[in-house]
Amino acid sequence: MNLSFDLLLDTCGLLCPEPVMLLHGAVRDVSAGGVIKVIATDPSTSRDIPKFCQFLGHELISSSEHDDHYIYFIRRG
């Protein structure tokens, strides 16, 4: 899936809770409706990022796993 995005957040090599903490900060850097692409290597993001989106009202457009990398597209609510 090749989606366009406004901001790339590379959290590879970081462990919980750092990817979600960085995402929380990155959300402030895009306008409402803006899309953030997150790349992570921590498997716990597959649980944490959907919960983050649900709790804070952001849309998880897609999530996928490729070669030990977790890819998320999130639209700011």
C-alpha atoms as a PDB file:
ATOM      1  CA  MET A   1       0.000   0.000   0.000  1.00  0.00           C
ATOM      2  CA  ASN A   2       1.487   3.311  -1.093  1.00  0.00           C
ATOM      3  CA  LEU A   3      -0.237   6.100   0.823  1.00  0.00           C
ATOM      4  CA  SER A   4       0.793   9.729   0.865  1.00  0.00           C
ATOM      5  CA  PHE A   5       1.770  11.266   4.176  1.00  0.00           C
ATOM      6  CA  ASP A   6       2.742  14.628   5.652  1.00  0.00           C
ATOM      7  CA  LEU A   7       5.301  13.466   8.221  1.00  0.00           C
ATOM      8  CA  LEU A   8       7.552  10.413   8.537  1.00  0.00           C
ATOM      9  CA  LEU A   9       8.315   9.210  12.056  1.00  0.00           C
ATOM     10  CA  ASP A  10      11.074   6.588  12.160  1.00  0.00           C
ATOM     11  CA  THR A  11      11.162   4.904  15.574  1.00  0.00           C
ATOM     12  CA  CYS A  12      13.270   1.911  14.520  1.00  0.00           C
ATOM     13  CA  GLY A  13      15.397   0.587  17.359  1.00  0.00           C
ATOM     14  CA  LEU A  14      13.313   2.273  20.052  1.00  0.00           C
ATOM     15  CA  LEU A  15      11.378   0.284  22.637  1.00  0.00           C
ATOM     16  CA  CYS A  16       8.124   0.920  24.471  1.00  0.00           C
ATOM     17  CA  PRO A  17       7.135   3.562  25.458  1.00  0.00           C
ATOM     18  CA  GLU A  18       9.391   5.684  23.216  1.00  0.00           C
ATOM     19  CA  PRO A  19       7.608   5.115  19.854  1.00  0.00           C
ATOM     20  CA  VAL A  20       4.256   6.223  21.277  1.00  0.00           C
ATOM     21  CA  MET A  21       5.838   9.148  23.120  1.00  0.00           C
ATOM     22  CA  LEU A  22       7.424  10.345  19.872  1.00  0.00           C
ATOM     23  CA  LEU A  23       4.137   9.848  18.033  1.00  0.00           C
ATOM     24  CA  HIS A  24       2.373  11.951  20.640  1.00  0.00           C
ATOM     25  CA  GLY A  25       4.801  14.772  19.922  1.00  0.00           C
ATOM     26  CA  ALA A  26       4.631  14.295  16.143  1.00  0.00           C
ATOM     27  CA  VAL A  27       0.844  14.635  16.145  1.00  0.00           C
ATOM     28  CA  ARG A  28       1.343  18.249  17.220  1.00  0.00           C
ATOM     29  CA  ASP A  29       3.478  18.873  14.125  1.00  0.00           C
ATOM     30  CA  VAL A  30       0.711  18.117  11.608  1.00  0.00           C
ATOM     31  CA  SER A  31      -2.598  19.858  11.029  1.00  0.00           C
ATOM     32  CA  ALA A  32      -5.927  18.152  11.680  1.00  0.00           C
ATOM     33  CA  GLY A  33      -6.428  15.658   8.852  1.00  0.00           C
ATOM     34  CA  GLY A  34      -2.683  15.363   8.276  1.00  0.00           C
ATOM     35  CA  VAL A  35      -1.178  11.896   7.912  1.00  0.00           C
ATOM     36  CA  ILE A  36       1.820  10.521   9.803  1.00  0.00           C
ATOM     37  CA  LYS A  37       3.688   7.453   8.613  1.00  0.00           C
ATOM     38  CA  VAL A  38       5.303   5.588  11.511  1.00  0.00           C
ATOM     39  CA  ILE A  39       7.990   2.949  11.021  1.00  0.00           C
ATOM     40  CA  ALA A  40       8.829   0.846  14.083  1.00  0.00           C
ATOM     41  CA  THR A  41      10.688  -2.310  15.034  1.00  0.00           C
ATOM     42  CA  ASP A  42       9.130  -2.817  18.475  1.00  0.00           C
ATOM     43  CA  PRO A  43       6.369  -5.465  18.270  1.00  0.00           C
ATOM     44  CA  SER A  44       4.509  -3.804  21.151  1.00  0.00           C
ATOM     45  CA  THR A  45       3.593  -0.950  18.787  1.00  0.00           C
ATOM     46  CA  SER A  46       1.070  -3.302  17.179  1.00  0.00           C
ATOM     47  CA  ARG A  47      -0.857  -3.041  20.446  1.00  0.00           C
ATOM     48  CA  ASP A  48       0.105   0.454  21.597  1.00  0.00           C
ATOM     49  CA  ILE A  49      -0.421   2.519  18.445  1.00  0.00           C
ATOM     50  CA  PRO A  50      -4.013   1.361  17.774  1.00  0.00           C
ATOM     51  CA  LYS A  51      -4.868   2.062  21.431  1.00  0.00           C
ATOM     52  CA  PHE A  52      -3.210   5.477  21.187  1.00  0.00           C
ATOM     53  CA  CYS A  53      -5.305   6.327  18.128  1.00  0.00           C
ATOM     54  CA  GLN A  54      -8.533   5.088  19.658  1.00  0.00           C
ATOM     55  CA  PHE A  55      -7.966   6.888  22.957  1.00  0.00           C
ATOM     56  CA  LEU A  56      -7.001  10.238  21.393  1.00  0.00           C
ATOM     57  CA  GLY A  57      -9.403  10.207  18.442  1.00  0.00           C
ATOM     58  CA  HIS A  58      -6.952   9.722  15.582  1.00  0.00           C
ATOM     59  CA  GLU A  59      -7.665   7.432  12.624  1.00  0.00           C
ATOM     60  CA  LEU A  60      -5.432   4.420  12.094  1.00  0.00           C
ATOM     61  CA  ILE A  61      -5.639   4.300   8.301  1.00  0.00           C
ATOM     62  CA  SER A  62      -3.513   1.174   7.944  1.00  0.00           C
ATOM     63  CA  SER A  63      -1.036  -1.021   9.751  1.00  0.00           C
ATOM     64  CA  SER A  64       1.219  -3.659   8.258  1.00  0.00           C
ATOM     65  CA  GLU A  65       4.358  -5.654   8.944  1.00  0.00           C
ATOM     66  CA  HIS A  66       7.242  -5.996   6.491  1.00  0.00           C
ATOM     67  CA  ASP A  67      10.622  -7.609   7.245  1.00  0.00           C
ATOM     68  CA  ASP A  68      10.496  -7.040  11.025  1.00  0.00           C
ATOM     69  CA  HIS A  69       9.244  -3.484  10.536  1.00  0.00           C
ATOM     70  CA  TYR A  70       5.804  -2.274  11.559  1.00  0.00           C
ATOM     71  CA  ILE A  71       4.313   0.421   9.336  1.00  0.00           C
ATOM     72  CA  TYR A  72       1.413   2.643  10.396  1.00  0.00           C
ATOM     73  CA  PHE A  73      -0.459   5.445   8.669  1.00  0.00           C
ATOM     74  CA  ILE A  74      -2.324   7.667  11.101  1.00  0.00           C
ATOM     75  CA  ARG A  75      -4.622  10.588  10.295  1.00  0.00           C
ATOM     76  CA  ARG A  76      -4.711  13.251  12.982  1.00  0.00           C
ATOM     77  CA  GLY A  77      -8.180  13.719  14.418  1.00  0.00           C
END
